[in-house]
Amino acid sequence: MFETRKSTLFLILAGIFITNAVVAELTGGKLIYIGPYIMSISVLLWPVVFITTDLINEYFGQKGVHKLSFITAGLITYCFVILYLALQIPAVKGKGFVTDGQFNAVFGQSLWIIIGSIVAFIASQAIDVTIFHFLRNKTGAKMIWLRSTGSTVISQFFDTFIVWGIAFYATGKIDFNTYIASALVSYGVKLVIAIVMTPVIYLGHGLIEKYIHEK
């Protein structure tokens, strides 16, 4: 029963992890204003991905996270291939139909975001897992907030700057000053969300412990 529940738990966490990662990729092309600065709307989803990473880390270890990270990267790549093929096929012309220009404006921009995100995703996940287990070895089962928030704070810094650098700065969509400002704002928002969601980590731990150990 215990192993069955752990398998079910992994499927649930993996589903949350993969769904949020893929949706973040597909919506990443939409930029919004945070005061005078711009930020991708997908920033709101990535803290959920990294919190889920920490829960998987806690119960399934580095091996579980690495396996899921590569599966997710593969699925994101699959999205990239499908979008690329869809962009090559002419749309039906006529009133009320989505035009090639409209489709390309939305998903054409997402292609570079997906490329940047795959690179950033693999790098930041490796950083997150390493820091998480370093802190866990130092603190044991205590101080969940430290290893969860600490690993997210550092890994998200690299994730944010890599994504903005590849998807927007390297492609010439923004200048260097906008790149730095936007990346810092995006990182700041992720940081705030990660801190605010700290109670969710404890709630998740409590629910998981009750579920897998319930007789």
C-alpha atoms as a PDB file:
ATOM      1  CA  MET A   1       0.000   0.000   0.000  1.00  0.00           C
ATOM      2  CA  PHE A   2       2.839   2.397   0.878  1.00  0.00           C
ATOM      3  CA  GLU A   3       4.619   1.867  -2.449  1.00  0.00           C
ATOM      4  CA  THR A   4       1.345   2.202  -4.347  1.00  0.00           C
ATOM      5  CA  ARG A   5       0.641   5.525  -2.680  1.00  0.00           C
ATOM      6  CA  LYS A   6       4.154   6.761  -3.377  1.00  0.00           C
ATOM      7  CA  SER A   7       3.730   5.860  -7.045  1.00  0.00           C
ATOM      8  CA  THR A   8       0.412   7.725  -7.148  1.00  0.00           C
ATOM      9  CA  LEU A   9       2.022  10.694  -5.411  1.00  0.00           C
ATOM     10  CA  PHE A  10       4.815  10.796  -7.999  1.00  0.00           C
ATOM     11  CA  LEU A  11       2.263  10.778 -10.828  1.00  0.00           C
ATOM     12  CA  ILE A  12       0.322  13.662  -9.252  1.00  0.00           C
ATOM     13  CA  LEU A  13       3.430  15.775  -8.628  1.00  0.00           C
ATOM     14  CA  ALA A  14       4.787  14.937 -12.084  1.00  0.00           C
ATOM     15  CA  GLY A  15       1.469  15.977 -13.649  1.00  0.00           C
ATOM     16  CA  ILE A  16       1.530  19.340 -11.849  1.00  0.00           C
ATOM     17  CA  PHE A  17       5.197  19.812 -12.720  1.00  0.00           C
ATOM     18  CA  ILE A  18       4.895  19.004 -16.440  1.00  0.00           C
ATOM     19  CA  THR A  19       1.601  20.855 -16.961  1.00  0.00           C
ATOM     20  CA  ASN A  20       2.877  24.089 -15.441  1.00  0.00           C
ATOM     21  CA  ALA A  21       6.205  23.856 -17.318  1.00  0.00           C
ATOM     22  CA  VAL A  22       4.549  23.320 -20.719  1.00  0.00           C
ATOM     23  CA  VAL A  23       1.869  25.994 -20.162  1.00  0.00           C
ATOM     24  CA  ALA A  24       4.591  28.426 -19.054  1.00  0.00           C
ATOM     25  CA  GLU A  25       6.431  27.776 -22.324  1.00  0.00           C
ATOM     26  CA  LEU A  26       3.346  28.342 -24.475  1.00  0.00           C
ATOM     27  CA  THR A  27       2.313  31.553 -22.691  1.00  0.00           C
ATOM     28  CA  GLY A  28       5.838  32.936 -22.334  1.00  0.00           C
ATOM     29  CA  GLY A  29       5.542  35.164 -25.391  1.00  0.00           C
ATOM     30  CA  LYS A  30       3.008  37.432 -23.704  1.00  0.00           C
ATOM     31  CA  LEU A  31       4.772  40.317 -21.954  1.00  0.00           C
ATOM     32  CA  ILE A  32       3.042  42.385 -19.286  1.00  0.00           C
ATOM     33  CA  TYR A  33       3.945  45.572 -17.440  1.00  0.00           C
ATOM     34  CA  ILE A  34       5.138  45.610 -13.854  1.00  0.00           C
ATOM     35  CA  GLY A  35       5.231  49.364 -13.318  1.00  0.00           C
ATOM     36  CA  PRO A  36       7.475  50.747 -16.090  1.00  0.00           C
ATOM     37  CA  TYR A  37       9.135  47.356 -16.663  1.00  0.00           C
ATOM     38  CA  ILE A  38       8.134  44.358 -18.752  1.00  0.00           C
ATOM     39  CA  MET A  39       7.824  40.744 -17.652  1.00  0.00           C
ATOM     40  CA  SER A  40       6.668  37.512 -19.236  1.00  0.00           C
ATOM     41  CA  ILE A  41       3.349  36.313 -17.841  1.00  0.00           C
ATOM     42  CA  SER A  42       4.844  32.818 -17.552  1.00  0.00           C
ATOM     43  CA  VAL A  43       6.865  34.080 -14.576  1.00  0.00           C
ATOM     44  CA  LEU A  44       3.746  33.482 -12.478  1.00  0.00           C
ATOM     45  CA  LEU A  45       3.896  29.736 -13.208  1.00  0.00           C
ATOM     46  CA  TRP A  46       7.580  28.919 -12.714  1.00  0.00           C
ATOM     47  CA  PRO A  47       7.560  29.190  -8.887  1.00  0.00           C
ATOM     48  CA  VAL A  48       4.914  26.420  -8.904  1.00  0.00           C
ATOM     49  CA  VAL A  49       7.281  24.271 -10.985  1.00  0.00           C
ATOM     50  CA  PHE A  50      10.160  24.800  -8.569  1.00  0.00           C
ATOM     51  CA  ILE A  51       8.038  24.211  -5.480  1.00  0.00           C
ATOM     52  CA  THR A  52       6.865  20.946  -7.031  1.00  0.00           C
ATOM     53  CA  THR A  53      10.537  20.177  -7.716  1.00  0.00           C
ATOM     54  CA  ASP A  54      11.283  20.578  -4.020  1.00  0.00           C
ATOM     55  CA  LEU A  55       8.458  18.229  -3.016  1.00  0.00           C
ATOM     56  CA  ILE A  56       9.687  15.616  -5.505  1.00  0.00           C
ATOM     57  CA  ASN A  57      13.207  16.173  -4.182  1.00  0.00           C
ATOM     58  CA  GLU A  58      12.023  15.573  -0.641  1.00  0.00           C
ATOM     59  CA  TYR A  59      10.259  12.281  -1.306  1.00  0.00           C
ATOM     60  CA  PHE A  60      11.943  10.841  -4.408  1.00  0.00           C
ATOM     61  CA  GLY A  61      15.454  12.278  -4.251  1.00  0.00           C
ATOM     62  CA  GLN A  62      17.787  13.591  -6.920  1.00  0.00           C
ATOM     63  CA  LYS A  63      17.165  10.625  -9.192  1.00  0.00           C
ATOM     64  CA  GLY A  64      13.439  11.338  -9.316  1.00  0.00           C
ATOM     65  CA  VAL A  65      13.973  15.020 -10.111  1.00  0.00           C
ATOM     66  CA  HIS A  66      16.584  14.335 -12.797  1.00  0.00           C
ATOM     67  CA  LYS A  67      14.340  11.763 -14.462  1.00  0.00           C
ATOM     68  CA  LEU A  68      11.344  14.097 -14.459  1.00  0.00           C
ATOM     69  CA  SER A  69      13.430  17.069 -15.620  1.00  0.00           C
ATOM     70  CA  PHE A  70      14.657  15.236 -18.714  1.00  0.00           C
ATOM     71  CA  ILE A  71      11.157  13.935 -19.468  1.00  0.00           C
ATOM     72  CA  THR A  72       9.810  17.485 -19.217  1.00  0.00           C
ATOM     73  CA  ALA A  73      12.617  18.869 -21.385  1.00  0.00           C
ATOM     74  CA  GLY A  74      11.752  16.207 -23.958  1.00  0.00           C
ATOM     75  CA  LEU A  75       8.074  17.174 -23.901  1.00  0.00           C
ATOM     76  CA  ILE A  76       8.947  20.869 -24.241  1.00  0.00           C
ATOM     77  CA  THR A  77      11.119  19.960 -27.229  1.00  0.00           C
ATOM     78  CA  TYR A  78       8.174  18.036 -28.649  1.00  0.00           C
ATOM     79  CA  CYS A  79       6.048  21.197 -28.308  1.00  0.00           C
ATOM     80  CA  PHE A  80       8.769  23.115 -30.129  1.00  0.00           C
ATOM     81  CA  VAL A  81       8.741  20.636 -33.045  1.00  0.00           C
ATOM     82  CA  ILE A  82       4.929  20.631 -33.327  1.00  0.00           C
ATOM     83  CA  LEU A  83       4.775  24.443 -33.232  1.00  0.00           C
ATOM     84  CA  TYR A  84       7.515  24.696 -35.847  1.00  0.00           C
ATOM     85  CA  LEU A  85       5.628  22.352 -38.175  1.00  0.00           C
ATOM     86  CA  ALA A  86       2.352  24.186 -37.543  1.00  0.00           C
ATOM     87  CA  LEU A  87       4.001  27.473 -38.507  1.00  0.00           C
ATOM     88  CA  GLN A  88       5.019  26.013 -41.880  1.00  0.00           C
ATOM     89  CA  ILE A  89       1.490  24.966 -42.893  1.00  0.00           C
ATOM     90  CA  PRO A  90      -0.650  27.732 -44.480  1.00  0.00           C
ATOM     91  CA  ALA A  91      -3.832  28.648 -42.631  1.00  0.00           C
ATOM     92  CA  VAL A  92      -7.305  28.692 -44.175  1.00  0.00           C
ATOM     93  CA  LYS A  93      -8.099  32.164 -45.509  1.00  0.00           C
ATOM     94  CA  GLY A  94     -11.405  33.765 -44.730  1.00  0.00           C
ATOM     95  CA  LYS A  95     -13.250  35.949 -42.283  1.00  0.00           C
ATOM     96  CA  GLY A  96     -13.346  34.606 -38.745  1.00  0.00           C
ATOM     97  CA  PHE A  97     -10.380  32.239 -39.174  1.00  0.00           C
ATOM     98  CA  VAL A  98      -7.016  32.612 -37.449  1.00  0.00           C
ATOM     99  CA  THR A  99      -4.551  33.985 -40.013  1.00  0.00           C
ATOM    100  CA  ASP A 100      -0.933  32.935 -40.476  1.00  0.00           C
ATOM    101  CA  GLY A 101       0.142  36.348 -39.205  1.00  0.00           C
ATOM    102  CA  GLN A 102      -1.905  36.040 -36.016  1.00  0.00           C
ATOM    103  CA  PHE A 103      -0.760  32.477 -35.349  1.00  0.00           C
ATOM    104  CA  ASN A 104       2.884  33.314 -36.061  1.00  0.00           C
ATOM    105  CA  ALA A 105       2.740  36.431 -33.871  1.00  0.00           C
ATOM    106  CA  VAL A 106       1.701  34.312 -30.884  1.00  0.00           C
ATOM    107  CA  PHE A 107       3.552  31.040 -31.352  1.00  0.00           C
ATOM    108  CA  GLY A 108       6.462  32.188 -33.522  1.00  0.00           C
ATOM    109  CA  GLN A 109       7.766  34.258 -30.646  1.00  0.00           C
ATOM    110  CA  SER A 110       7.303  31.325 -28.269  1.00  0.00           C
ATOM    111  CA  LEU A 111       9.778  29.214 -30.234  1.00  0.00           C
ATOM    112  CA  TRP A 112      12.775  31.252 -29.048  1.00  0.00           C
ATOM    113  CA  ILE A 113      11.327  31.309 -25.541  1.00  0.00           C
ATOM    114  CA  ILE A 114      11.087  27.525 -25.632  1.00  0.00           C
ATOM    115  CA  ILE A 115      14.721  27.222 -26.781  1.00  0.00           C
ATOM    116  CA  GLY A 116      15.866  29.576 -24.026  1.00  0.00           C
ATOM    117  CA  SER A 117      13.684  27.850 -21.468  1.00  0.00           C
ATOM    118  CA  ILE A 118      14.989  24.362 -22.280  1.00  0.00           C
ATOM    119  CA  VAL A 119      18.562  25.527 -21.694  1.00  0.00           C
ATOM    120  CA  ALA A 120      17.574  27.469 -18.569  1.00  0.00           C
ATOM    121  CA  PHE A 121      15.359  24.647 -17.308  1.00  0.00           C
ATOM    122  CA  ILE A 122      18.060  21.974 -17.390  1.00  0.00           C
ATOM    123  CA  ALA A 123      20.658  24.315 -15.850  1.00  0.00           C
ATOM    124  CA  SER A 124      18.407  25.672 -13.104  1.00  0.00           C
ATOM    125  CA  GLN A 125      17.026  22.240 -12.194  1.00  0.00           C
ATOM    126  CA  ALA A 126      20.557  20.912 -11.738  1.00  0.00           C
ATOM    127  CA  ILE A 127      21.387  23.905  -9.526  1.00  0.00           C
ATOM    128  CA  ASP A 128      18.137  23.558  -7.560  1.00  0.00           C
ATOM    129  CA  VAL A 129      18.667  19.850  -6.856  1.00  0.00           C
ATOM    130  CA  THR A 130      22.301  20.331  -5.806  1.00  0.00           C
ATOM    131  CA  ILE A 131      21.570  23.190  -3.404  1.00  0.00           C
ATOM    132  CA  PHE A 132      18.454  21.463  -2.021  1.00  0.00           C
ATOM    133  CA  HIS A 133      20.352  18.309  -1.087  1.00  0.00           C
ATOM    134  CA  PHE A 134      23.336  20.259   0.233  1.00  0.00           C
ATOM    135  CA  LEU A 135      21.033  22.127   2.637  1.00  0.00           C
ATOM    136  CA  ARG A 136      19.094  18.973   3.483  1.00  0.00           C
ATOM    137  CA  ASN A 137      22.297  17.160   4.429  1.00  0.00           C
ATOM    138  CA  LYS A 138      23.204  20.103   6.677  1.00  0.00           C
ATOM    139  CA  THR A 139      19.809  20.519   8.369  1.00  0.00           C
ATOM    140  CA  GLY A 140      18.301  17.023   8.221  1.00  0.00           C
ATOM    141  CA  ALA A 141      14.519  16.891   8.262  1.00  0.00           C
ATOM    142  CA  LYS A 142      14.301  20.327   9.888  1.00  0.00           C
ATOM    143  CA  MET A 143      14.117  23.784   8.292  1.00  0.00           C
ATOM    144  CA  ILE A 144      12.078  22.806   5.239  1.00  0.00           C
ATOM    145  CA  TRP A 145      11.682  26.491   4.361  1.00  0.00           C
ATOM    146  CA  LEU A 146      15.466  26.974   4.125  1.00  0.00           C
ATOM    147  CA  ARG A 147      16.211  24.220   1.614  1.00  0.00           C
ATOM    148  CA  SER A 148      13.041  24.868  -0.384  1.00  0.00           C
ATOM    149  CA  THR A 149      13.228  28.657  -0.599  1.00  0.00           C
ATOM    150  CA  GLY A 150      17.039  28.744  -0.668  1.00  0.00           C
ATOM    151  CA  SER A 151      17.350  26.380  -3.608  1.00  0.00           C
ATOM    152  CA  THR A 152      14.563  28.195  -5.483  1.00  0.00           C
ATOM    153  CA  VAL A 153      16.051  31.651  -4.884  1.00  0.00           C
ATOM    154  CA  ILE A 154      19.422  30.703  -6.360  1.00  0.00           C
ATOM    155  CA  SER A 155      18.222  28.476  -9.212  1.00  0.00           C
ATOM    156  CA  GLN A 156      15.590  30.999 -10.322  1.00  0.00           C
ATOM    157  CA  PHE A 157      18.252  33.690 -10.642  1.00  0.00           C
ATOM    158  CA  PHE A 158      20.083  31.661 -13.275  1.00  0.00           C
ATOM    159  CA  ASP A 159      16.844  30.509 -14.902  1.00  0.00           C
ATOM    160  CA  THR A 160      15.580  34.071 -15.332  1.00  0.00           C
ATOM    161  CA  PHE A 161      18.726  35.576 -16.813  1.00  0.00           C
ATOM    162  CA  ILE A 162      19.298  32.655 -19.192  1.00  0.00           C
ATOM    163  CA  VAL A 163      15.721  32.789 -20.543  1.00  0.00           C
ATOM    164  CA  TRP A 164      15.709  36.565 -21.039  1.00  0.00           C
ATOM    165  CA  GLY A 165      19.187  36.442 -22.547  1.00  0.00           C
ATOM    166  CA  ILE A 166      18.356  33.817 -25.183  1.00  0.00           C
ATOM    167  CA  ALA A 167      14.693  34.566 -25.897  1.00  0.00           C
ATOM    168  CA  PHE A 168      14.725  38.361 -25.952  1.00  0.00           C
ATOM    169  CA  TYR A 169      18.209  39.910 -25.814  1.00  0.00           C
ATOM    170  CA  ALA A 170      20.066  37.553 -28.173  1.00  0.00           C
ATOM    171  CA  THR A 171      17.214  37.781 -30.707  1.00  0.00           C
ATOM    172  CA  GLY A 172      17.381  41.600 -30.717  1.00  0.00           C
ATOM    173  CA  LYS A 173      13.897  42.113 -29.299  1.00  0.00           C
ATOM    174  CA  ILE A 174      15.225  44.194 -26.392  1.00  0.00           C
ATOM    175  CA  ASP A 175      18.401  46.158 -25.664  1.00  0.00           C
ATOM    176  CA  PHE A 176      20.902  45.361 -22.906  1.00  0.00           C
ATOM    177  CA  ASN A 177      19.485  47.798 -20.343  1.00  0.00           C
ATOM    178  CA  THR A 178      15.960  46.462 -20.871  1.00  0.00           C
ATOM    179  CA  TYR A 179      17.313  42.919 -20.604  1.00  0.00           C
ATOM    180  CA  ILE A 180      18.924  43.560 -17.210  1.00  0.00           C
ATOM    181  CA  ALA A 181      15.964  45.542 -15.853  1.00  0.00           C
ATOM    182  CA  SER A 182      13.351  43.048 -17.051  1.00  0.00           C
ATOM    183  CA  ALA A 183      15.324  40.040 -15.802  1.00  0.00           C
ATOM    184  CA  LEU A 184      15.751  41.639 -12.366  1.00  0.00           C
ATOM    185  CA  VAL A 185      12.052  42.510 -12.164  1.00  0.00           C
ATOM    186  CA  SER A 186      11.070  38.990 -13.248  1.00  0.00           C
ATOM    187  CA  TYR A 187      13.435  37.500 -10.693  1.00  0.00           C
ATOM    188  CA  GLY A 188      12.048  39.798  -7.997  1.00  0.00           C
ATOM    189  CA  VAL A 189       8.487  38.690  -8.746  1.00  0.00           C
ATOM    190  CA  LYS A 190       9.543  35.023  -8.657  1.00  0.00           C
ATOM    191  CA  LEU A 191      11.296  35.653  -5.362  1.00  0.00           C
ATOM    192  CA  VAL A 192       8.214  37.250  -3.801  1.00  0.00           C
ATOM    193  CA  ILE A 193       5.973  34.421  -5.038  1.00  0.00           C
ATOM    194  CA  ALA A 194       8.405  31.787  -3.718  1.00  0.00           C
ATOM    195  CA  ILE A 195       8.454  33.413  -0.264  1.00  0.00           C
ATOM    196  CA  VAL A 196       4.681  33.905  -0.182  1.00  0.00           C
ATOM    197  CA  MET A 197       4.190  30.250  -1.155  1.00  0.00           C
ATOM    198  CA  THR A 198       6.396  28.940   1.667  1.00  0.00           C
ATOM    199  CA  PRO A 199       3.320  27.946   3.717  1.00  0.00           C
ATOM    200  CA  VAL A 200       2.176  25.910   0.698  1.00  0.00           C
ATOM    201  CA  ILE A 201       5.355  23.833   1.031  1.00  0.00           C
ATOM    202  CA  TYR A 202       4.492  22.992   4.633  1.00  0.00           C
ATOM    203  CA  LEU A 203       0.887  22.284   3.677  1.00  0.00           C
ATOM    204  CA  GLY A 204       2.102  20.023   0.876  1.00  0.00           C
ATOM    205  CA  HIS A 205       4.418  18.171   3.256  1.00  0.00           C
ATOM    206  CA  GLY A 206       1.618  17.708   5.757  1.00  0.00           C
ATOM    207  CA  LEU A 207      -0.843  16.371   3.188  1.00  0.00           C
ATOM    208  CA  ILE A 208       1.751  14.078   1.612  1.00  0.00           C
ATOM    209  CA  GLU A 209       2.846  12.647   4.973  1.00  0.00           C
ATOM    210  CA  LYS A 210      -0.765  11.994   5.910  1.00  0.00           C
ATOM    211  CA  TYR A 211      -1.481  10.387   2.546  1.00  0.00           C
ATOM    212  CA  ILE A 212       1.481   8.046   2.218  1.00  0.00           C
ATOM    213  CA  HIS A 213       1.508   6.956   5.875  1.00  0.00           C
ATOM    214  CA  GLU A 214      -2.231   6.632   6.387  1.00  0.00           C
ATOM    215  CA  LYS A 215      -3.193   3.109   7.370  1.00  0.00           C
END
